[in-house]
Amino acid sequence: MDNKDILAIGKNVFWFSFLGGSLSFFGIFLGHITKLIVFNGLIFCLFVLINAIVFFCLLGYGLIHQSKFIICLKSASMLLINIPISFIYGCLINY
């Protein structure tokens, strides 16, 4: 895999999870989807699962191909940006 492809994986999964989680959060927070709170919780879990799988696959690929480890680590670290954002969303929902 090329370095651009590896970085694109991290960026695309980050934006997919960020936009999906943000849309779900604002739906709950603004009260438009209050009947589907359980469904939105499952969506958050799905995004966490997708991020975790991609994160560990990137790290595994980097460990197998040592020459790509640094770029895989950079790509995987992009996914970690979603953690504090999700924490803030969770605190605001429980407020």
C-alpha atoms as a PDB file:
ATOM      1  CA  MET A   1       0.000   0.000   0.000  1.00  0.00           C
ATOM      2  CA  ASP A   2       1.153   3.528  -0.733  1.00  0.00           C
ATOM      3  CA  ASN A   3       1.640   6.111   2.046  1.00  0.00           C
ATOM      4  CA  LYS A   4      -1.168   8.257   0.621  1.00  0.00           C
ATOM      5  CA  ASP A   5      -3.541   5.302   0.783  1.00  0.00           C
ATOM      6  CA  ILE A   6      -2.678   4.618   4.405  1.00  0.00           C
ATOM      7  CA  LEU A   7      -3.258   8.254   5.387  1.00  0.00           C
ATOM      8  CA  ALA A   8      -6.491   8.328   3.386  1.00  0.00           C
ATOM      9  CA  ILE A   9      -7.834   5.375   5.385  1.00  0.00           C
ATOM     10  CA  GLY A  10      -7.303   7.205   8.676  1.00  0.00           C
ATOM     11  CA  LYS A  11      -8.746  10.480   7.373  1.00  0.00           C
ATOM     12  CA  ASN A  12     -11.798   8.883   5.794  1.00  0.00           C
ATOM     13  CA  VAL A  13     -12.683   6.785   8.830  1.00  0.00           C
ATOM     14  CA  PHE A  14     -12.136   9.817  11.087  1.00  0.00           C
ATOM     15  CA  TRP A  15     -14.480  12.015   9.053  1.00  0.00           C
ATOM     16  CA  PHE A  16     -17.058   9.251   8.655  1.00  0.00           C
ATOM     17  CA  SER A  17     -17.174   8.673  12.406  1.00  0.00           C
ATOM     18  CA  PHE A  18     -16.994  12.361  13.283  1.00  0.00           C
ATOM     19  CA  LEU A  19     -19.808  13.414  10.950  1.00  0.00           C
ATOM     20  CA  GLY A  20     -22.000  10.437  11.808  1.00  0.00           C
ATOM     21  CA  GLY A  21     -21.498  10.899  15.534  1.00  0.00           C
ATOM     22  CA  SER A  22     -22.062  14.644  15.317  1.00  0.00           C
ATOM     23  CA  LEU A  23     -25.295  14.231  13.374  1.00  0.00           C
ATOM     24  CA  SER A  24     -26.486  11.653  15.858  1.00  0.00           C
ATOM     25  CA  PHE A  25     -25.472  13.834  18.823  1.00  0.00           C
ATOM     26  CA  PHE A  26     -27.202  16.944  17.542  1.00  0.00           C
ATOM     27  CA  GLY A  27     -30.292  14.893  16.821  1.00  0.00           C
ATOM     28  CA  ILE A  28     -30.379  13.805  20.471  1.00  0.00           C
ATOM     29  CA  PHE A  29     -29.262  17.147  21.874  1.00  0.00           C
ATOM     30  CA  LEU A  30     -31.802  19.210  19.971  1.00  0.00           C
ATOM     31  CA  GLY A  31     -34.566  16.752  20.802  1.00  0.00           C
ATOM     32  CA  HIS A  32     -35.544  15.852  17.265  1.00  0.00           C
ATOM     33  CA  ILE A  33     -34.764  12.166  17.696  1.00  0.00           C
ATOM     34  CA  THR A  34     -35.628  11.645  21.365  1.00  0.00           C
ATOM     35  CA  LYS A  35     -37.633   8.513  20.578  1.00  0.00           C
ATOM     36  CA  LEU A  36     -34.557   6.912  19.010  1.00  0.00           C
ATOM     37  CA  ILE A  37     -32.035   7.456  21.818  1.00  0.00           C
ATOM     38  CA  VAL A  38     -31.326   3.727  22.091  1.00  0.00           C
ATOM     39  CA  PHE A  39     -30.781   3.594  18.339  1.00  0.00           C
ATOM     40  CA  ASN A  40     -28.366   6.526  18.569  1.00  0.00           C
ATOM     41  CA  GLY A  41     -26.485   4.776  21.365  1.00  0.00           C
ATOM     42  CA  LEU A  42     -26.078   1.800  19.066  1.00  0.00           C
ATOM     43  CA  ILE A  43     -24.811   4.114  16.333  1.00  0.00           C
ATOM     44  CA  PHE A  44     -22.195   5.497  18.718  1.00  0.00           C
ATOM     45  CA  CYS A  45     -21.155   1.928  19.579  1.00  0.00           C
ATOM     46  CA  LEU A  46     -20.949   1.078  15.886  1.00  0.00           C
ATOM     47  CA  PHE A  47     -18.646   4.041  15.250  1.00  0.00           C
ATOM     48  CA  VAL A  48     -16.471   3.032  18.205  1.00  0.00           C
ATOM     49  CA  LEU A  49     -16.252  -0.504  16.851  1.00  0.00           C
ATOM     50  CA  ILE A  50     -15.344   0.701  13.354  1.00  0.00           C
ATOM     51  CA  ASN A  51     -12.667   3.029  14.764  1.00  0.00           C
ATOM     52  CA  ALA A  52     -11.220   0.279  16.948  1.00  0.00           C
ATOM     53  CA  ILE A  53     -11.062  -2.246  14.111  1.00  0.00           C
ATOM     54  CA  VAL A  54      -9.400   0.216  11.722  1.00  0.00           C
ATOM     55  CA  PHE A  55      -7.027   1.408  14.475  1.00  0.00           C
ATOM     56  CA  PHE A  56      -5.790  -2.087  15.285  1.00  0.00           C
ATOM     57  CA  CYS A  57      -5.621  -3.090  11.617  1.00  0.00           C
ATOM     58  CA  LEU A  58      -3.432  -0.073  10.876  1.00  0.00           C
ATOM     59  CA  LEU A  59      -1.159  -0.880  13.795  1.00  0.00           C
ATOM     60  CA  GLY A  60      -1.018  -4.524  12.758  1.00  0.00           C
ATOM     61  CA  TYR A  61      -0.169  -3.592   9.187  1.00  0.00           C
ATOM     62  CA  GLY A  62       2.542  -1.279  10.483  1.00  0.00           C
ATOM     63  CA  LEU A  63       4.008  -4.030  12.639  1.00  0.00           C
ATOM     64  CA  ILE A  64       4.038  -6.481   9.756  1.00  0.00           C
ATOM     65  CA  HIS A  65       5.539  -3.960   7.336  1.00  0.00           C
ATOM     66  CA  GLN A  66       8.131  -2.157   9.455  1.00  0.00           C
ATOM     67  CA  SER A  67       8.900   0.385   6.726  1.00  0.00           C
ATOM     68  CA  LYS A  68       5.278   1.630   6.920  1.00  0.00           C
ATOM     69  CA  PHE A  69       5.009   1.705  10.717  1.00  0.00           C
ATOM     70  CA  ILE A  70       5.424   5.470  11.169  1.00  0.00           C
ATOM     71  CA  ILE A  71       2.836   6.338   8.525  1.00  0.00           C
ATOM     72  CA  CYS A  72       0.443   3.741   9.959  1.00  0.00           C
ATOM     73  CA  LEU A  73       0.931   5.246  13.407  1.00  0.00           C
ATOM     74  CA  LYS A  74       0.130   8.721  12.058  1.00  0.00           C
ATOM     75  CA  SER A  75      -2.983   7.420  10.336  1.00  0.00           C
ATOM     76  CA  ALA A  76      -4.109   5.507  13.437  1.00  0.00           C
ATOM     77  CA  SER A  77      -3.501   8.525  15.666  1.00  0.00           C
ATOM     78  CA  MET A  78      -6.021  10.514  13.596  1.00  0.00           C
ATOM     79  CA  LEU A  79      -8.680   8.128  14.831  1.00  0.00           C
ATOM     80  CA  LEU A  80      -7.806   8.945  18.439  1.00  0.00           C
ATOM     81  CA  ILE A  81      -9.012  12.525  17.935  1.00  0.00           C
ATOM     82  CA  ASN A  82     -12.578  11.210  18.083  1.00  0.00           C
ATOM     83  CA  ILE A  83     -12.181  10.053  21.704  1.00  0.00           C
ATOM     84  CA  PRO A  84     -12.259  13.477  23.426  1.00  0.00           C
ATOM     85  CA  ILE A  85     -15.002  14.646  21.076  1.00  0.00           C
ATOM     86  CA  SER A  86     -17.132  11.619  21.981  1.00  0.00           C
ATOM     87  CA  PHE A  87     -16.422  12.213  25.671  1.00  0.00           C
ATOM     88  CA  ILE A  88     -17.637  15.814  25.395  1.00  0.00           C
ATOM     89  CA  TYR A  89     -20.758  14.676  23.540  1.00  0.00           C
ATOM     90  CA  GLY A  90     -21.419  12.060  26.220  1.00  0.00           C
ATOM     91  CA  CYS A  91     -21.066  14.608  29.003  1.00  0.00           C
ATOM     92  CA  LEU A  92     -23.458  16.994  27.279  1.00  0.00           C
ATOM     93  CA  ILE A  93     -26.056  14.284  26.663  1.00  0.00           C
ATOM     94  CA  ASN A  94     -26.018  13.197  30.305  1.00  0.00           C
ATOM     95  CA  TYR A  95     -26.317  16.804  31.469  1.00  0.00           C
END
